[in-house]
Structure formats: C-alpha cells, structure tokens
C-alpha cells in the first residue's frame, strides 16, 4: 500500500510502534561491538558470511506499565478507573419518527425514572432494533397508579363535556321550535286573510263544486192541492216571478261525497251538513242532489177573517229537495270553473222544490188562541213551491 493512500495511524498505534522500535534499539545496543561491526562489514563488502561464535541471549526486558492516562501511551495492562461507554453512532434515517402518542408516553415514563451516577446514565427505555424500526418499551415505573387515576379523571371530564354539549343543543332546538311554530302559523293565517280580502277567493280554498255560493232563483210555480183551503198553503215570496235568494256552503268530504249547510236564508229552512249525491259524474248532466224532511208553517193570507178561523197551519214532513247542475245552463253546456270567489253565483241550473202529497190529518191548523181547529182538512192533490234560476225549469 502506498504511503499516500495508507490510512492515518491512530495515536495509540503510533505510541505502540515507537515503544517497539525503542525496544529493538535497546536490544541491538546490548550486543557486543564485534558482532555489530562484523555484521556491518559483511553487509558492506557483500562477502560470504563468516562464522561468528554466538553468545548467550540477554535477559528479557521488563517494560514499564503505564498506569496513568496522562502519558498518552497505549498500555494494555492499564485498566480504566470506570467502565468505558463507547457511543454508537446512529444514522438519522434509521431513527423512527416520534409520534405524539410516543412523546406523551415518553414524558409519562421519564417523569418517574431515576438517574444514578454509576459512570453512565441508565435510560428508562429498552431499545430493540428489529428490521430498521425501533420498539421502545417503557420500564416499570412506581407512578403507574397515579397515571391511571389521572387518565380516569380526564376521561370522566370528556364525558361530562360531551353530555353537556348534547343537552345544550337539545334545549336550543326545543326553544327554536317553540318560537318558530307559532310565528309560522300566525303568518299563514294572516296570509290567508289577506288573500281572502284582496282576491275575494273562497275561504276554504276548495275546488268547484265545493265552496260558498249564492243561488239566485225566483218563485216558478205554486200548488196547493194537499189542503181543502188554498189560502193555508203559500210560498215565499207570494207572487210568482219574485226573486228568492239562497246562501249555501258546500264542503267536500271525499271524492264523491259533499255536505251542504244553509246560511242567511230568508225564504228557506235552516239546515246543517246535509249529505249531497253526485249524479252523472263527469257528464254534461252532472248534478248534485240532496233532500230532507221539514215542518212547513204557513200563515194564511185570510187569517182572522170571518171565513177562516185558522191563524196558522203546519204541514209535517214536507220534503225539501234541491238539484244543482254543474255543467248545464238551459240548453247549453260548459266546463265548470276550478276556483271561484266567495259567495259567487252558482254557474249552472238550480231547481228547488218544497212539496207534500195529500196526507190524512194534514195540515194541522190553530186559531188565534192556539187551539186546534178542524175547519181545514186534507185535499186530494199535492202542495209544492218551485224555485229556479232563469233556465232552471223548462
């Protein structure tokens, strides 16, 4: 190996080499001068070696043992006062990255470890190098019970905070609902009221034929065949052709069922939630029909006269019947409107009849003193009042 490329010899090795060379020189100095001179002359003249008588070997040299490190000479017989700790170099690439969990674990272990000065530091970890990864094991610590108690208190605190958060969120949701629902209902009612006032739509918002209607009719015909005295049966208004207006509210219960209620009827009876029947559904002659029995009370036109003692007469079980056409007006047909204003006029034909056939014991009449009288008897015909709009009756 060349001198330039040879690695530098450590200082300890250089000291050893120097000591060895000194020993060799001391051994050479111990030989007789004749032997040394003969060797030198032989090497100079390069003549054949001459036999020289050998002498006894000198006694072995006793090397001085260095016991002090300050002499800076390598001496294998010298022992250090304390055990040497040779540091092991580790590359940064092989060291595992410390995670937050390991840092916390290291802190918990380090807090309970004890450092004892014995020439080197005892680490609280036992390093196990396997496949380039470090597995650290925390040594037993006398503070483990205190650590478990702290962790239990921390977990209990987190549970309390979670339950408190859930409770606050629940209270906020309930309060929001309690405030928002009444406001929403109030706005809905006020909006419906404004729509009713501005647009005058039906308050129920129902589709035709449901809703509130005004039925403009007139007295079409009067018959008094069921009584023996014609003046005891009358119709309002008294004269044929006079207008008669009815106010009815129609409500739809299901697809084919409706009920009707009367309101403000000066010329008709009062009734409430009477069932209506749908006839000829979705045909040009589609119509709603209803009927009920009522007691009709009449004040005779000649009451109190010498020829009529009857002050009032009652006809029991008089039939009230109405027919409302939804697509027919006279001889023409139309498509019914889907929506309408409140108290709008009924668009189709209207037929209303109050009738009673001849019945024994009818009518029952009383005088001015409210006593029953037998002056009026049953007739052989039929009594009726016919109402209708312009084209209601043929």
Protein backbone atom coordinates (compact mmCIF):
# COMPACT_ATOMS: atom_id res chain seq x y z
CA UNK A 1 0.00 0.00 0.00
CA UNK A 2 1.35 3.44 -0.87
CA UNK A 3 2.24 5.91 1.71
CA UNK A 4 -0.19 8.47 0.39
CA UNK A 5 -3.16 6.12 0.36
CA UNK A 6 -2.45 4.41 3.69
CA UNK A 7 -4.88 5.47 6.41
CA UNK A 8 -3.57 7.58 9.21
CA UNK A 9 -2.38 5.53 12.11
CA UNK A 10 -4.13 6.21 15.38
CA UNK A 11 -2.20 7.91 18.12
CA UNK A 12 -2.34 4.81 20.27
CA UNK A 13 -0.85 2.70 17.47
CA UNK A 14 1.87 5.26 16.86
CA UNK A 15 2.80 5.09 20.52
CA UNK A 16 2.91 1.30 20.34
CA UNK A 17 5.16 1.38 17.26
CA UNK A 18 7.54 3.85 18.88
CA UNK A 19 7.78 1.73 22.00
CA UNK A 20 8.52 -1.38 19.95
CA UNK A 21 11.24 0.38 17.99
CA UNK A 22 12.84 1.60 21.20
CA UNK A 23 12.89 -1.97 22.48
CA UNK A 24 14.53 -3.17 19.34
CA UNK A 25 17.18 -0.48 19.57
CA UNK A 26 17.82 -1.31 23.16
CA UNK A 27 18.27 -4.97 22.19
CA UNK A 28 20.67 -4.06 19.40
CA UNK A 29 22.62 -1.87 21.75
CA UNK A 30 23.05 -4.80 24.11
CA UNK A 31 25.04 -6.89 21.55
CA UNK A 32 28.82 -6.94 21.57
CA UNK A 33 30.51 -4.39 19.42
CA UNK A 34 32.38 -7.08 17.50
CA UNK A 35 29.16 -8.70 16.35
CA UNK A 36 27.70 -5.42 15.29
CA UNK A 37 30.85 -4.39 13.45
CA UNK A 38 31.14 -7.73 11.75
CA UNK A 39 27.61 -7.52 10.53
CA UNK A 40 28.17 -4.05 9.20
CA UNK A 41 31.36 -5.02 7.39
CA UNK A 42 29.73 -8.08 5.93
CA UNK A 43 26.92 -6.10 4.51
CA UNK A 44 29.34 -3.56 3.14
CA UNK A 45 31.74 -5.95 1.47
CA UNK A 46 28.99 -8.34 0.38
CA UNK A 47 31.40 -11.15 1.10
CA UNK A 48 30.32 -14.56 2.28
CA UNK A 49 29.26 -14.65 5.87
CA UNK A 50 31.89 -15.55 8.40
CA UNK A 51 31.06 -17.86 11.20
CA UNK A 52 30.85 -15.93 14.41
CA UNK A 53 30.57 -17.63 17.73
CA UNK A 54 27.16 -16.95 19.35
CA UNK A 55 26.82 -15.78 22.87
CA UNK A 56 24.04 -16.39 25.35
CA UNK A 57 20.79 -14.37 24.81
CA UNK A 58 20.35 -11.39 27.05
CA UNK A 59 17.66 -11.43 29.74
CA UNK A 60 14.18 -10.30 28.67
CA UNK A 61 13.38 -6.67 29.00
CA UNK A 62 10.78 -5.58 31.54
CA UNK A 63 8.53 -2.96 30.01
CA UNK A 64 7.25 -0.25 32.20
CA UNK A 65 3.46 -0.49 32.70
CA UNK A 66 1.73 2.82 32.27
CA UNK A 67 -0.93 3.36 34.90
CA UNK A 68 -1.65 6.98 34.19
CA UNK A 69 -3.73 8.06 31.20
CA UNK A 70 -1.90 11.34 31.00
CA UNK A 71 1.18 9.66 29.44
CA UNK A 72 -0.89 9.16 26.26
CA UNK A 73 0.69 5.78 25.53
CA UNK A 74 -1.26 2.65 24.80
CA UNK A 75 -0.76 0.10 27.55
CA UNK A 76 -2.95 -2.97 27.56
CA UNK A 77 -2.13 -3.60 31.17
CA UNK A 78 -3.66 -0.35 32.30
CA UNK A 79 -7.31 -0.59 33.32
CA UNK A 80 -9.67 2.39 33.37
CA UNK A 81 -10.94 3.59 36.66
CA UNK A 82 -14.54 3.41 35.40
CA UNK A 83 -16.14 1.29 32.68
CA UNK A 84 -15.81 2.86 29.29
CA UNK A 85 -19.03 3.61 27.39
CA UNK A 86 -18.42 3.60 23.66
CA UNK A 87 -21.09 5.71 21.93
CA UNK A 88 -22.79 4.07 18.99
CA UNK A 89 -23.38 6.26 16.03
CA UNK A 90 -26.83 6.01 14.50
CA UNK A 91 -27.89 7.44 11.18
CA UNK A 92 -30.82 9.81 11.27
CA UNK A 93 -32.58 7.86 8.56
CA UNK A 94 -32.81 4.72 10.71
CA UNK A 95 -34.31 6.57 13.67
CA UNK A 96 -38.13 6.26 13.72
CA UNK A 97 -40.18 9.43 13.78
CA UNK A 98 -41.69 10.11 17.15
CA UNK A 99 -45.47 10.23 17.14
CA UNK A 100 -47.46 12.40 19.55
CA UNK A 101 -48.54 9.28 21.40
CA UNK A 102 -44.95 8.09 21.92
CA UNK A 103 -43.94 11.57 23.09
CA UNK A 104 -46.68 11.55 25.68
CA UNK A 105 -45.69 8.02 26.70
CA UNK A 106 -42.03 9.07 26.95
CA UNK A 107 -42.99 12.01 29.12
CA UNK A 108 -45.02 9.83 31.43
CA UNK A 109 -42.19 7.33 31.77
CA UNK A 110 -39.47 9.95 32.09
CA UNK A 111 -41.22 11.66 34.94
CA UNK A 112 -40.87 8.61 37.15
CA UNK A 113 -37.35 7.41 36.14
CA UNK A 114 -34.35 7.89 38.45
CA UNK A 115 -30.85 8.82 37.26
CA UNK A 116 -27.99 7.20 39.20
CA UNK A 117 -24.38 8.28 38.64
CA UNK A 118 -22.51 4.99 38.10
CA UNK A 119 -20.26 6.11 35.28
CA UNK A 120 -23.07 6.04 32.73
CA UNK A 121 -26.76 7.01 32.55
CA UNK A 122 -29.47 4.36 32.73
CA UNK A 123 -32.13 5.02 30.12
CA UNK A 124 -35.78 4.39 31.02
CA UNK A 125 -36.20 2.68 27.65
CA UNK A 126 -35.03 -0.63 26.35
CA UNK A 127 -34.22 -0.28 22.65
CA UNK A 128 -34.97 -3.27 20.48
CA UNK A 129 -33.72 -2.80 16.93
CA UNK A 130 -35.68 -5.00 14.56
CA UNK A 131 -35.81 -4.54 10.78
CA UNK A 132 -34.72 -0.94 10.94
CA UNK A 133 -37.52 0.05 13.33
CA UNK A 134 -37.19 0.85 16.99
CA UNK A 135 -39.55 -0.68 19.51
CA UNK A 136 -39.38 1.22 22.77
CA UNK A 137 -40.56 -0.42 25.95
CA UNK A 138 -41.12 1.69 28.99
CA UNK A 139 -39.52 0.26 32.09
CA UNK A 140 -41.56 -0.33 35.18
CA UNK A 141 -42.45 2.89 36.93
CA UNK A 142 -43.61 3.29 40.51
CA UNK A 143 -46.02 6.11 39.43
CA UNK A 144 -48.31 3.92 37.26
CA UNK A 145 -51.26 4.10 39.67
CA UNK A 146 -51.19 7.88 39.74
CA UNK A 147 -51.07 7.94 35.91
CA UNK A 148 -54.15 5.65 35.67
CA UNK A 149 -56.06 7.89 38.06
CA UNK A 150 -55.22 10.98 36.00
CA UNK A 151 -56.37 9.24 32.81
CA UNK A 152 -59.64 8.22 34.50
CA UNK A 153 -60.31 11.80 35.60
CA UNK A 154 -59.52 13.06 32.09
CA UNK A 155 -61.95 10.54 30.52
CA UNK A 156 -64.64 11.49 33.02
CA UNK A 157 -64.18 15.16 32.19
CA UNK A 158 -64.55 14.47 28.46
CA UNK A 159 -67.76 12.52 29.11
CA UNK A 160 -69.21 15.39 31.13
CA UNK A 161 -68.38 17.90 28.40
CA UNK A 162 -70.00 15.67 25.75
CA UNK A 163 -73.22 15.27 27.75
CA UNK A 164 -73.31 19.00 28.45
CA UNK A 165 -72.97 19.74 24.72
CA UNK A 166 -75.83 17.35 23.86
CA UNK A 167 -78.06 18.97 26.48
CA UNK A 168 -77.36 22.49 25.24
CA UNK A 169 -78.10 21.50 21.62
CA UNK A 170 -81.40 19.86 22.65
CA UNK A 171 -82.53 22.92 24.60
CA UNK A 172 -81.69 25.21 21.67
CA UNK A 173 -83.69 23.05 19.23
CA UNK A 174 -86.74 22.95 21.52
CA UNK A 175 -86.68 26.70 22.08
CA UNK A 176 -86.35 27.33 18.33
CA UNK A 177 -89.33 25.11 17.57
CA UNK A 178 -91.41 26.72 20.30
CA UNK A 179 -90.76 30.17 18.83
CA UNK A 180 -90.90 29.31 15.12
CA UNK A 181 -94.09 27.23 15.03
CA UNK A 182 -96.46 29.90 16.44
CA UNK A 183 -94.93 32.54 14.18
CA UNK A 184 -95.33 30.31 11.13
CA UNK A 185 -98.96 29.56 11.92
CA UNK A 186 -99.67 33.23 12.57
CA UNK A 187 -98.11 34.25 9.26
CA UNK A 188 -100.08 31.54 7.47
CA UNK A 189 -103.38 32.74 8.95
CA UNK A 190 -102.61 36.38 8.17
CA UNK A 191 -101.59 35.49 4.62
CA UNK A 192 -104.81 33.59 4.06
CA UNK A 193 -106.77 36.53 5.46
CA UNK A 194 -105.07 38.96 3.08
CA UNK A 195 -105.75 36.68 0.14
CA UNK A 196 -109.42 36.47 1.10
CA UNK A 197 -109.76 40.21 1.44
CA UNK A 198 -107.77 41.11 -1.66
CA UNK A 199 -108.78 38.42 -4.12
CA UNK A 200 -112.13 37.51 -2.51
CA UNK A 201 -111.41 33.85 -3.12
CA UNK A 202 -113.32 31.17 -1.30
CA UNK A 203 -112.05 31.00 2.29
CA UNK A 204 -111.81 27.22 2.19
CA UNK A 205 -109.69 27.28 -0.97
CA UNK A 206 -111.72 24.29 -2.21
CA UNK A 207 -112.22 23.42 -5.84
CA UNK A 208 -115.60 23.60 -7.56
CA UNK A 209 -118.27 22.49 -6.72
CA UNK A 210 -117.16 22.96 -3.10
CA UNK A 211 -117.30 26.45 -1.62
CA UNK A 212 -119.72 29.20 -0.63
CA UNK A 213 -122.35 30.09 -3.24
CA UNK A 214 -125.23 32.44 -3.73
CA UNK A 215 -128.18 30.85 -5.54
CA UNK A 216 -130.28 33.45 -7.30
CA UNK A 217 -133.70 31.97 -8.00
CA UNK A 218 -137.28 33.07 -8.36
CA UNK A 219 -140.64 31.53 -7.48
CA UNK A 220 -141.57 29.50 -10.51
CA UNK A 221 -144.87 27.81 -9.52
CA UNK A 222 -147.17 27.31 -6.52
CA UNK A 223 -149.63 24.44 -5.99
CA UNK A 224 -152.00 23.94 -3.01
CA UNK A 225 -153.73 20.64 -3.81
CA UNK A 226 -152.98 18.97 -0.48
CA UNK A 227 -155.33 21.23 1.57
CA UNK A 228 -159.05 21.96 1.45
CA UNK A 229 -158.42 25.70 1.78
CA UNK A 230 -155.94 27.16 -0.72
CA UNK A 231 -155.07 30.16 1.46
CA UNK A 232 -153.48 27.88 4.04
CA UNK A 233 -150.59 26.97 1.63
CA UNK A 234 -148.33 29.78 0.48
CA UNK A 235 -144.77 30.19 -0.86
CA UNK A 236 -142.27 32.98 -0.20
CA UNK A 237 -142.29 35.29 -1.97
CA UNK A 238 -146.01 35.26 -2.51
CA UNK A 239 -146.17 36.26 -6.17
CA UNK A 240 -144.62 34.07 -8.89
CA UNK A 241 -141.59 35.58 -10.59
CA UNK A 242 -140.38 37.39 -7.48
CA UNK A 243 -136.66 36.74 -6.72
CA UNK A 244 -135.68 34.36 -3.96
CA UNK A 245 -132.02 34.09 -2.92
CA UNK A 246 -130.45 31.19 -1.02
CA UNK A 247 -126.94 31.14 0.61
CA UNK A 248 -125.38 27.71 0.86
CA UNK A 249 -121.95 26.36 1.81
CA UNK A 250 -120.81 23.13 0.14
CA UNK A 251 -117.97 21.07 1.65
CA UNK A 252 -116.29 18.06 0.03
CA UNK A 253 -115.68 15.14 2.39
CA UNK A 254 -114.17 12.71 -0.14
CA UNK A 255 -114.09 12.14 -3.88
CA UNK A 256 -117.84 11.60 -4.29
CA UNK A 257 -119.32 12.91 -1.02
CA UNK A 258 -120.35 16.50 -0.26
CA UNK A 259 -122.36 18.14 2.51
CA UNK A 260 -124.31 21.41 2.38
CA UNK A 261 -125.25 23.95 5.05
CA UNK A 262 -127.65 26.91 4.76
CA UNK A 263 -126.74 30.43 5.88
CA UNK A 264 -128.93 33.57 5.94
CA UNK A 265 -131.98 32.14 4.14
CA UNK A 266 -134.99 34.46 4.48
CA UNK A 267 -137.12 32.30 2.16
CA UNK A 268 -135.97 28.81 3.08
CA UNK A 269 -135.46 26.49 6.02
CA UNK A 270 -132.27 26.25 8.02
CA UNK A 271 -130.29 23.01 7.72
CA UNK A 272 -126.81 21.84 8.57
CA UNK A 273 -124.44 19.26 6.99
CA UNK A 274 -126.98 17.56 4.76
CA UNK A 275 -125.43 14.90 2.51
CA UNK A 276 -125.39 15.51 -1.23
CA UNK A 277 -125.38 12.89 -4.02
CA UNK A 278 -123.42 13.21 -7.27
CA UNK A 279 -125.40 12.15 -10.34
CA UNK A 280 -124.00 11.52 -13.84
CA UNK A 281 -120.44 12.20 -12.76
CA UNK A 282 -118.27 13.88 -15.39
CA UNK A 283 -121.14 14.02 -17.88
CA UNK A 284 -122.94 17.08 -19.32
CA UNK A 285 -125.85 16.38 -16.97
CA UNK A 286 -123.66 16.07 -13.86
CA UNK A 287 -125.53 17.42 -10.84
CA UNK A 288 -125.61 17.48 -7.04
CA UNK A 289 -128.83 16.44 -5.27
CA UNK A 290 -129.99 16.50 -1.67
CA UNK A 291 -133.31 16.37 0.19
CA UNK A 292 -134.64 16.29 3.73
CA UNK A 293 -137.96 16.44 5.58
CA UNK A 294 -139.08 19.55 7.40
CA UNK A 295 -142.15 21.11 9.04
CA UNK A 296 -143.54 23.96 6.97
CA UNK A 297 -145.57 26.56 8.89
CA UNK A 298 -147.84 28.88 6.89
CA UNK A 299 -149.79 31.95 7.93
CA UNK A 300 -152.97 32.04 5.83
CA UNK A 301 -153.48 35.15 3.81
CA UNK A 302 -157.06 35.49 5.15
CA UNK A 303 -156.27 34.63 8.76
CA UNK A 304 -158.71 36.13 11.29
CA UNK A 305 -161.40 36.74 8.72
CA UNK A 306 -164.98 35.53 9.29
CA UNK A 307 -164.41 32.85 6.66
CA UNK A 308 -161.17 31.46 8.15
CA UNK A 309 -160.52 30.99 11.84
CA UNK A 310 -157.10 29.44 11.24
CA UNK A 311 -154.31 31.69 12.46
CA UNK A 312 -151.51 29.30 11.34
CA UNK A 313 -151.21 25.86 9.77
CA UNK A 314 -148.35 23.36 9.96
CA UNK A 315 -147.51 20.77 7.31
CA UNK A 316 -145.47 17.98 8.89
CA UNK A 317 -142.83 16.05 6.87
CA UNK A 318 -142.73 18.42 3.96
CA UNK A 319 -139.95 17.44 1.55
CA UNK A 320 -137.29 20.00 0.68
CA UNK A 321 -135.35 18.93 -2.43
CA UNK A 322 -132.65 20.74 -4.44
CA UNK A 323 -130.80 19.93 -7.66
CA UNK A 324 -127.64 21.83 -8.70
CA UNK A 325 -126.28 21.26 -12.22
CA UNK A 326 -122.52 21.68 -12.56
CA UNK A 327 -122.17 21.69 -16.41
CA UNK A 328 -125.61 22.63 -17.76
CA UNK A 329 -127.19 26.04 -18.19
CA UNK A 330 -130.51 25.88 -20.03
CA UNK A 331 -129.85 24.03 -23.27
CA UNK A 332 -126.09 24.71 -23.33
CA UNK A 333 -123.21 23.03 -21.54
CA UNK A 334 -119.96 24.49 -20.16
CA UNK A 335 -116.78 23.49 -18.40
CA UNK A 336 -117.09 24.23 -14.67
CA UNK A 337 -114.59 26.69 -13.15
CA UNK A 338 -111.93 25.26 -10.89
CA UNK A 339 -111.88 28.20 -8.48
CA UNK A 340 -114.32 30.93 -7.62
CA UNK A 341 -114.81 33.86 -5.30
CA UNK A 342 -116.66 33.57 -2.02
CA UNK A 343 -120.48 33.82 -2.37
CA UNK A 344 -120.18 33.60 -6.14
CA UNK A 345 -123.34 32.88 -8.12
CA UNK A 346 -123.91 29.24 -8.95
CA UNK A 347 -122.94 28.87 -12.64
CA UNK A 348 -125.38 26.07 -13.57
CA UNK A 349 -129.11 25.47 -13.38
CA UNK A 350 -130.81 25.37 -9.97
CA UNK A 351 -134.05 23.58 -9.06
CA UNK A 352 -135.52 23.83 -5.54
CA UNK A 353 -138.86 22.25 -4.55
CA UNK A 354 -140.92 22.14 -1.35
CA UNK A 355 -143.63 19.51 -1.70
CA UNK A 356 -146.18 17.48 0.27
CA UNK A 357 -148.66 14.98 -1.12
CA UNK A 358 -152.18 14.65 0.20
CA UNK A 359 -151.93 13.23 3.71
CA UNK A 360 -154.71 12.48 6.20
CA UNK A 361 -154.59 14.82 9.14
CA UNK A 362 -152.67 17.46 7.19
CA UNK A 363 -152.50 20.34 7.73
CA UNK A 364 -152.81 20.98 11.46
CA UNK A 365 -154.29 24.45 12.00
CA UNK A 366 -154.76 26.53 15.17
CA UNK A 367 -156.81 29.59 15.91
CA UNK A 368 -155.66 32.81 17.47
CA UNK A 369 -155.95 31.20 20.92
CA UNK A 370 -153.58 28.37 19.79
CA UNK A 371 -156.41 25.84 19.84
CA UNK A 372 -156.61 23.11 17.22
CA UNK A 373 -159.48 23.53 14.83
CA UNK A 374 -160.99 21.14 12.32
CA UNK A 375 -162.01 23.74 9.81
CA UNK A 376 -159.19 22.78 7.34
CA UNK A 377 -158.89 19.22 6.04
CA UNK A 378 -156.59 17.36 3.63
CA UNK A 379 -157.03 17.79 -0.10
CA UNK A 380 -156.73 15.27 -2.91
CA UNK A 381 -153.75 16.79 -4.67
CA UNK A 382 -150.16 17.88 -3.98
CA UNK A 383 -148.82 21.06 -2.47
CA UNK A 384 -145.50 22.45 -3.73
CA UNK A 385 -143.33 25.53 -4.22
CA UNK A 386 -140.96 25.50 -7.21
CA UNK A 387 -137.89 27.77 -7.31
CA UNK A 388 -135.29 28.02 -10.02
CA UNK A 389 -132.93 30.38 -11.84
CA UNK A 390 -133.63 31.78 -15.29
CA UNK A 391 -133.29 28.43 -17.02
CA UNK A 392 -133.85 26.16 -14.05
CA UNK A 393 -137.25 24.93 -15.11
CA UNK A 394 -138.37 24.19 -18.66
